[in-house]
Amino acid sequence: MVSSWRRNWGYEFPFYYVQIAPFKYDTPNSGVLVRDAQRRALKIANTAMVVVSDICTVDDIHPRNKKDVGLRLANIALKEQYVVLREEVFGPLFKEINVHDDKIEVSFEHSEGLFFKGKKGTHFEIAGLDGTFYSATARIIDDKVELSSKKVNKPSQVRFAWNNTALPNLFNGAGLPASSFISN
């Protein structure tokens, strides 16, 4: 879509968008699959995405807090297009995983000052080679998240906030939420 619009208009304009909010969709995982596709679309040049999982309710498909959604979009434009803002404007985005024995380490872009709102990390799951995901214990170490589960001896995959209504609690130092993702 973005490529066709740019081609038709003859201009490589910036394309900023809001990731769909967690919501009680009728079909299991339909919302999170769209969110993950939106995250992956960031590979398209000159695009950016706002995550709104922290300012929504799962009972309303449209976040009621329009002001903060608009401010997040404006901040991206001020930083990326107008180059007048230096602060972080993006939430943590999945970068890669590294396996260390029975633990798996997740690296993120935009990860400076990672923290969990609340006492512990939520919505992380890991799987071994069989592809069965289990809830994982999460710890932040040097702006990375280390995951483990007693049910997974040799982890190979990670997913985060992998359901339609997940309201995850991983944020960066700018107070912006992490996007849902799956590592494969």
C-alpha atoms as a PDB file:
ATOM      1  CA  MET A   1       0.000   0.000   0.000  1.00  0.00           C
ATOM      2  CA  VAL A   2       2.691   2.494   1.048  1.00  0.00           C
ATOM      3  CA  SER A   3       4.836   1.658  -1.969  1.00  0.00           C
ATOM      4  CA  SER A   4       1.907   2.001  -4.387  1.00  0.00           C
ATOM      5  CA  TRP A   5       0.866   5.367  -2.905  1.00  0.00           C
ATOM      6  CA  ARG A   6       4.427   6.639  -3.115  1.00  0.00           C
ATOM      7  CA  ARG A   7       4.767   5.393  -6.690  1.00  0.00           C
ATOM      8  CA  ASN A   8       1.418   6.931  -7.739  1.00  0.00           C
ATOM      9  CA  TRP A   9       2.171  10.265  -6.071  1.00  0.00           C
ATOM     10  CA  GLY A  10       5.812  10.286  -7.243  1.00  0.00           C
ATOM     11  CA  TYR A  11       7.104  11.103  -3.793  1.00  0.00           C
ATOM     12  CA  GLU A  12       8.808   9.029  -1.062  1.00  0.00           C
ATOM     13  CA  PHE A  13       6.778  10.723   1.658  1.00  0.00           C
ATOM     14  CA  PRO A  14       7.080   9.682   5.322  1.00  0.00           C
ATOM     15  CA  PHE A  15       4.431   7.250   6.437  1.00  0.00           C
ATOM     16  CA  TYR A  16       3.622   7.210  10.153  1.00  0.00           C
ATOM     17  CA  TYR A  17       0.907   5.028  11.578  1.00  0.00           C
ATOM     18  CA  VAL A  18      -0.643   3.859  14.832  1.00  0.00           C
ATOM     19  CA  GLN A  19      -0.469   0.173  15.682  1.00  0.00           C
ATOM     20  CA  ILE A  20      -3.940  -1.225  16.318  1.00  0.00           C
ATOM     21  CA  ALA A  21      -4.808  -1.345  19.977  1.00  0.00           C
ATOM     22  CA  PRO A  22      -5.422  -4.488  22.003  1.00  0.00           C
ATOM     23  CA  PHE A  23      -9.114  -5.321  21.744  1.00  0.00           C
ATOM     24  CA  LYS A  24     -11.565  -8.182  22.309  1.00  0.00           C
ATOM     25  CA  TYR A  25     -11.639  -9.405  18.715  1.00  0.00           C
ATOM     26  CA  ASP A  26     -13.909 -12.341  17.892  1.00  0.00           C
ATOM     27  CA  THR A  27     -11.142 -14.401  16.269  1.00  0.00           C
ATOM     28  CA  PRO A  28      -8.253 -15.613  18.471  1.00  0.00           C
ATOM     29  CA  ASN A  29      -4.944 -13.883  17.705  1.00  0.00           C
ATOM     30  CA  SER A  30      -6.370 -11.853  14.820  1.00  0.00           C
ATOM     31  CA  GLY A  31      -5.424  -8.559  16.471  1.00  0.00           C
ATOM     32  CA  VAL A  32      -1.944  -9.584  17.517  1.00  0.00           C
ATOM     33  CA  LEU A  33      -1.211 -10.935  14.032  1.00  0.00           C
ATOM     34  CA  VAL A  34      -2.108  -7.537  12.562  1.00  0.00           C
ATOM     35  CA  ARG A  35       0.017  -5.777  15.216  1.00  0.00           C
ATOM     36  CA  ASP A  36       2.961  -7.992  14.333  1.00  0.00           C
ATOM     37  CA  ALA A  37       2.494  -7.344  10.612  1.00  0.00           C
ATOM     38  CA  GLN A  38       2.443  -3.627  11.371  1.00  0.00           C
ATOM     39  CA  ARG A  39       5.688  -3.990  13.357  1.00  0.00           C
ATOM     40  CA  ARG A  40       7.306  -5.868  10.471  1.00  0.00           C
ATOM     41  CA  ALA A  41       6.193  -3.163   8.027  1.00  0.00           C
ATOM     42  CA  LEU A  42       8.729  -0.875   9.684  1.00  0.00           C
ATOM     43  CA  LYS A  43      11.249  -2.433   7.272  1.00  0.00           C
ATOM     44  CA  ILE A  44       9.761  -0.123   4.637  1.00  0.00           C
ATOM     45  CA  ALA A  45      11.958   2.979   4.389  1.00  0.00           C
ATOM     46  CA  ASN A  46      10.794   6.227   5.977  1.00  0.00           C
ATOM     47  CA  THR A  47       8.037   4.674   8.099  1.00  0.00           C
ATOM     48  CA  ALA A  48       7.369   4.829  11.833  1.00  0.00           C
ATOM     49  CA  MET A  49       4.812   3.326  14.193  1.00  0.00           C
ATOM     50  CA  VAL A  50       3.212   4.461  17.431  1.00  0.00           C
ATOM     51  CA  VAL A  51       2.345   1.761  19.991  1.00  0.00           C
ATOM     52  CA  VAL A  52      -0.767   2.518  22.089  1.00  0.00           C
ATOM     53  CA  SER A  53      -1.132  -0.557  24.309  1.00  0.00           C
ATOM     54  CA  ASP A  54      -0.628   1.619  27.393  1.00  0.00           C
ATOM     55  CA  ILE A  55      -3.321   4.191  26.558  1.00  0.00           C
ATOM     56  CA  CYS A  56      -6.166   1.975  25.399  1.00  0.00           C
ATOM     57  CA  THR A  57      -8.839  -0.260  26.836  1.00  0.00           C
ATOM     58  CA  VAL A  58      -9.621  -3.702  25.447  1.00  0.00           C
ATOM     59  CA  ASP A  59     -13.334  -2.798  25.401  1.00  0.00           C
ATOM     60  CA  ASP A  60     -12.947  -0.007  22.828  1.00  0.00           C
ATOM     61  CA  ILE A  61     -11.187  -0.608  19.506  1.00  0.00           C
ATOM     62  CA  HIS A  62     -10.229   3.086  19.309  1.00  0.00           C
ATOM     63  CA  PRO A  63      -8.135   4.538  22.144  1.00  0.00           C
ATOM     64  CA  ARG A  64     -10.134   7.331  23.767  1.00  0.00           C
ATOM     65  CA  ASN A  65      -6.955   9.198  24.627  1.00  0.00           C
ATOM     66  CA  LYS A  66      -6.517  10.869  21.228  1.00  0.00           C
ATOM     67  CA  LYS A  67      -4.264  13.589  22.612  1.00  0.00           C
ATOM     68  CA  ASP A  68      -1.427  11.223  23.551  1.00  0.00           C
ATOM     69  CA  VAL A  69      -1.778   9.289  20.289  1.00  0.00           C
ATOM     70  CA  GLY A  70      -1.464  12.580  18.395  1.00  0.00           C
ATOM     71  CA  LEU A  71       1.464  13.747  20.518  1.00  0.00           C
ATOM     72  CA  ARG A  72       3.333  10.510  19.846  1.00  0.00           C
ATOM     73  CA  LEU A  73       2.804  10.904  16.096  1.00  0.00           C
ATOM     74  CA  ALA A  74       3.803  14.587  16.238  1.00  0.00           C
ATOM     75  CA  ASN A  75       6.962  13.753  18.189  1.00  0.00           C
ATOM     76  CA  ILE A  76       7.999  11.267  15.507  1.00  0.00           C
ATOM     77  CA  ALA A  77       7.543  13.938  12.825  1.00  0.00           C
ATOM     78  CA  LEU A  78       9.444  16.505  14.901  1.00  0.00           C
ATOM     79  CA  LYS A  79      12.345  14.079  15.312  1.00  0.00           C
ATOM     80  CA  GLU A  80      12.423  12.334  11.947  1.00  0.00           C
ATOM     81  CA  GLN A  81      11.257  14.993   9.466  1.00  0.00           C
ATOM     82  CA  TYR A  82      11.945  18.323  11.111  1.00  0.00           C
ATOM     83  CA  VAL A  83      14.964  17.208  13.197  1.00  0.00           C
ATOM     84  CA  VAL A  84      14.105  19.541  16.075  1.00  0.00           C
ATOM     85  CA  LEU A  85      13.516  16.936  18.774  1.00  0.00           C
ATOM     86  CA  ARG A  86      16.310  14.863  20.284  1.00  0.00           C
ATOM     87  CA  GLU A  87      14.450  12.766  22.835  1.00  0.00           C
ATOM     88  CA  GLU A  88      13.432   9.151  22.277  1.00  0.00           C
ATOM     89  CA  VAL A  89      10.113   8.902  20.439  1.00  0.00           C
ATOM     90  CA  PHE A  90       9.905   5.161  19.836  1.00  0.00           C
ATOM     91  CA  GLY A  91       9.051   2.327  22.206  1.00  0.00           C
ATOM     92  CA  PRO A  92      11.220  -0.793  22.397  1.00  0.00           C
ATOM     93  CA  LEU A  93      11.132  -2.850  19.192  1.00  0.00           C
ATOM     94  CA  PHE A  94      12.259  -6.459  18.951  1.00  0.00           C
ATOM     95  CA  LYS A  95      15.727  -6.771  17.421  1.00  0.00           C
ATOM     96  CA  GLU A  96      17.087 -10.290  18.008  1.00  0.00           C
ATOM     97  CA  ILE A  97      17.417 -13.224  20.383  1.00  0.00           C
ATOM     98  CA  ASN A  98      20.507 -14.992  21.692  1.00  0.00           C
ATOM     99  CA  VAL A  99      20.290 -18.378  23.378  1.00  0.00           C
ATOM    100  CA  HIS A 100      22.489 -19.099  26.403  1.00  0.00           C
ATOM    101  CA  ASP A 101      21.958 -22.684  27.613  1.00  0.00           C
ATOM    102  CA  ASP A 102      18.464 -22.736  29.168  1.00  0.00           C
ATOM    103  CA  LYS A 103      17.940 -18.969  28.938  1.00  0.00           C
ATOM    104  CA  ILE A 104      17.190 -16.730  26.017  1.00  0.00           C
ATOM    105  CA  GLU A 105      18.141 -13.071  25.788  1.00  0.00           C
ATOM    106  CA  VAL A 106      16.035 -10.568  23.849  1.00  0.00           C
ATOM    107  CA  SER A 107      17.573  -7.395  22.429  1.00  0.00           C
ATOM    108  CA  PHE A 108      15.541  -4.376  21.417  1.00  0.00           C
ATOM    109  CA  GLU A 109      16.031  -1.199  19.472  1.00  0.00           C
ATOM    110  CA  HIS A 110      15.121   1.924  21.468  1.00  0.00           C
ATOM    111  CA  SER A 111      15.833   0.046  24.693  1.00  0.00           C
ATOM    112  CA  GLU A 112      17.669   2.560  26.849  1.00  0.00           C
ATOM    113  CA  GLY A 113      16.285   2.485  30.383  1.00  0.00           C
ATOM    114  CA  LEU A 114      14.098  -0.614  29.954  1.00  0.00           C
ATOM    115  CA  PHE A 115      11.772  -1.260  32.880  1.00  0.00           C
ATOM    116  CA  PHE A 116       8.648  -3.166  33.825  1.00  0.00           C
ATOM    117  CA  LYS A 117       5.675  -1.220  35.146  1.00  0.00           C
ATOM    118  CA  GLY A 118       4.824  -3.324  38.139  1.00  0.00           C
ATOM    119  CA  LYS A 119       6.909  -5.836  40.041  1.00  0.00           C
ATOM    120  CA  LYS A 120       7.753  -8.192  37.181  1.00  0.00           C
ATOM    121  CA  GLY A 121       7.626  -8.585  33.430  1.00  0.00           C
ATOM    122  CA  THR A 122       4.450  -9.995  31.947  1.00  0.00           C
ATOM    123  CA  HIS A 123       3.348 -11.498  28.638  1.00  0.00           C
ATOM    124  CA  PHE A 124       6.666 -13.149  27.724  1.00  0.00           C
ATOM    125  CA  GLU A 125       6.598 -16.728  26.433  1.00  0.00           C
ATOM    126  CA  ILE A 126       9.347 -19.007  25.168  1.00  0.00           C
ATOM    127  CA  ALA A 127       9.338 -22.228  23.171  1.00  0.00           C
ATOM    128  CA  GLY A 128      11.803 -24.963  22.375  1.00  0.00           C
ATOM    129  CA  LEU A 129      12.222 -26.755  19.072  1.00  0.00           C
ATOM    130  CA  ASP A 130       8.758 -28.318  19.424  1.00  0.00           C
ATOM    131  CA  GLY A 131       7.191 -24.855  19.060  1.00  0.00           C
ATOM    132  CA  THR A 132       5.058 -25.097  22.216  1.00  0.00           C
ATOM    133  CA  PHE A 133       5.106 -21.776  24.067  1.00  0.00           C
ATOM    134  CA  TYR A 134       5.176 -21.499  27.864  1.00  0.00           C
ATOM    135  CA  SER A 135       5.026 -18.498  30.144  1.00  0.00           C
ATOM    136  CA  ALA A 136       8.509 -17.216  30.929  1.00  0.00           C
ATOM    137  CA  THR A 137      10.151 -15.487  33.839  1.00  0.00           C
ATOM    138  CA  ALA A 138      11.637 -12.191  32.696  1.00  0.00           C
ATOM    139  CA  ARG A 139      14.540 -10.136  34.059  1.00  0.00           C
ATOM    140  CA  ILE A 140      16.039  -6.965  32.670  1.00  0.00           C
ATOM    141  CA  ILE A 141      19.823  -7.021  32.399  1.00  0.00           C
ATOM    142  CA  ASP A 142      21.645  -4.147  30.681  1.00  0.00           C
ATOM    143  CA  ASP A 143      18.663  -3.019  28.584  1.00  0.00           C
ATOM    144  CA  LYS A 144      17.986  -6.573  27.422  1.00  0.00           C
ATOM    145  CA  VAL A 145      15.401  -9.036  28.697  1.00  0.00           C
ATOM    146  CA  GLU A 146      16.517 -12.481  29.853  1.00  0.00           C
ATOM    147  CA  LEU A 147      13.856 -15.181  29.771  1.00  0.00           C
ATOM    148  CA  SER A 148      13.605 -18.677  31.186  1.00  0.00           C
ATOM    149  CA  SER A 149      10.997 -21.305  31.946  1.00  0.00           C
ATOM    150  CA  LYS A 150      11.233 -24.557  33.874  1.00  0.00           C
ATOM    151  CA  LYS A 151       9.188 -26.127  31.059  1.00  0.00           C
ATOM    152  CA  VAL A 152      11.690 -25.234  28.295  1.00  0.00           C
ATOM    153  CA  ASN A 153      15.213 -26.670  28.516  1.00  0.00           C
ATOM    154  CA  LYS A 154      16.511 -25.408  25.165  1.00  0.00           C
ATOM    155  CA  PRO A 155      14.644 -22.261  24.168  1.00  0.00           C
ATOM    156  CA  SER A 156      14.618 -21.259  20.518  1.00  0.00           C
ATOM    157  CA  GLN A 157      11.735 -18.782  20.146  1.00  0.00           C
ATOM    158  CA  VAL A 158      10.193 -15.877  22.013  1.00  0.00           C
ATOM    159  CA  ARG A 159       6.891 -14.137  21.760  1.00  0.00           C
ATOM    160  CA  PHE A 160       5.647 -11.138  23.676  1.00  0.00           C
ATOM    161  CA  ALA A 161       2.105  -9.896  24.297  1.00  0.00           C
ATOM    162  CA  TRP A 162       0.887 -12.567  21.926  1.00  0.00           C
ATOM    163  CA  ASN A 163      -2.872 -12.332  22.251  1.00  0.00           C
ATOM    164  CA  ASN A 164      -5.594  -9.933  21.238  1.00  0.00           C
ATOM    165  CA  THR A 165      -6.034  -8.271  24.635  1.00  0.00           C
ATOM    166  CA  ALA A 166      -2.477  -8.221  26.023  1.00  0.00           C
ATOM    167  CA  LEU A 167      -1.622  -5.035  27.873  1.00  0.00           C
ATOM    168  CA  PRO A 168       2.127  -5.525  28.334  1.00  0.00           C
ATOM    169  CA  ASN A 169       4.225  -3.719  30.880  1.00  0.00           C
ATOM    170  CA  LEU A 170       7.649  -3.388  29.200  1.00  0.00           C
ATOM    171  CA  PHE A 171       8.689   0.240  28.628  1.00  0.00           C
ATOM    172  CA  ASN A 172      11.834   2.170  27.815  1.00  0.00           C
ATOM    173  CA  GLY A 173      13.241   5.138  29.712  1.00  0.00           C
ATOM    174  CA  ALA A 174      11.105   7.515  27.641  1.00  0.00           C
ATOM    175  CA  GLY A 175       8.011   5.818  29.093  1.00  0.00           C
ATOM    176  CA  LEU A 176       6.982   4.294  25.769  1.00  0.00           C
ATOM    177  CA  PRO A 177       5.608   0.745  25.533  1.00  0.00           C
ATOM    178  CA  ALA A 178       7.125  -2.199  23.663  1.00  0.00           C
ATOM    179  CA  SER A 179       5.354  -3.661  20.666  1.00  0.00           C
ATOM    180  CA  SER A 180       4.116  -7.237  20.632  1.00  0.00           C
ATOM    181  CA  PHE A 181       6.315  -9.580  18.594  1.00  0.00           C
ATOM    182  CA  ILE A 182       7.261 -13.142  17.765  1.00  0.00           C
ATOM    183  CA  SER A 183      10.899 -13.981  17.081  1.00  0.00           C
ATOM    184  CA  ASN A 184      10.516 -16.283  14.084  1.00  0.00           C
END
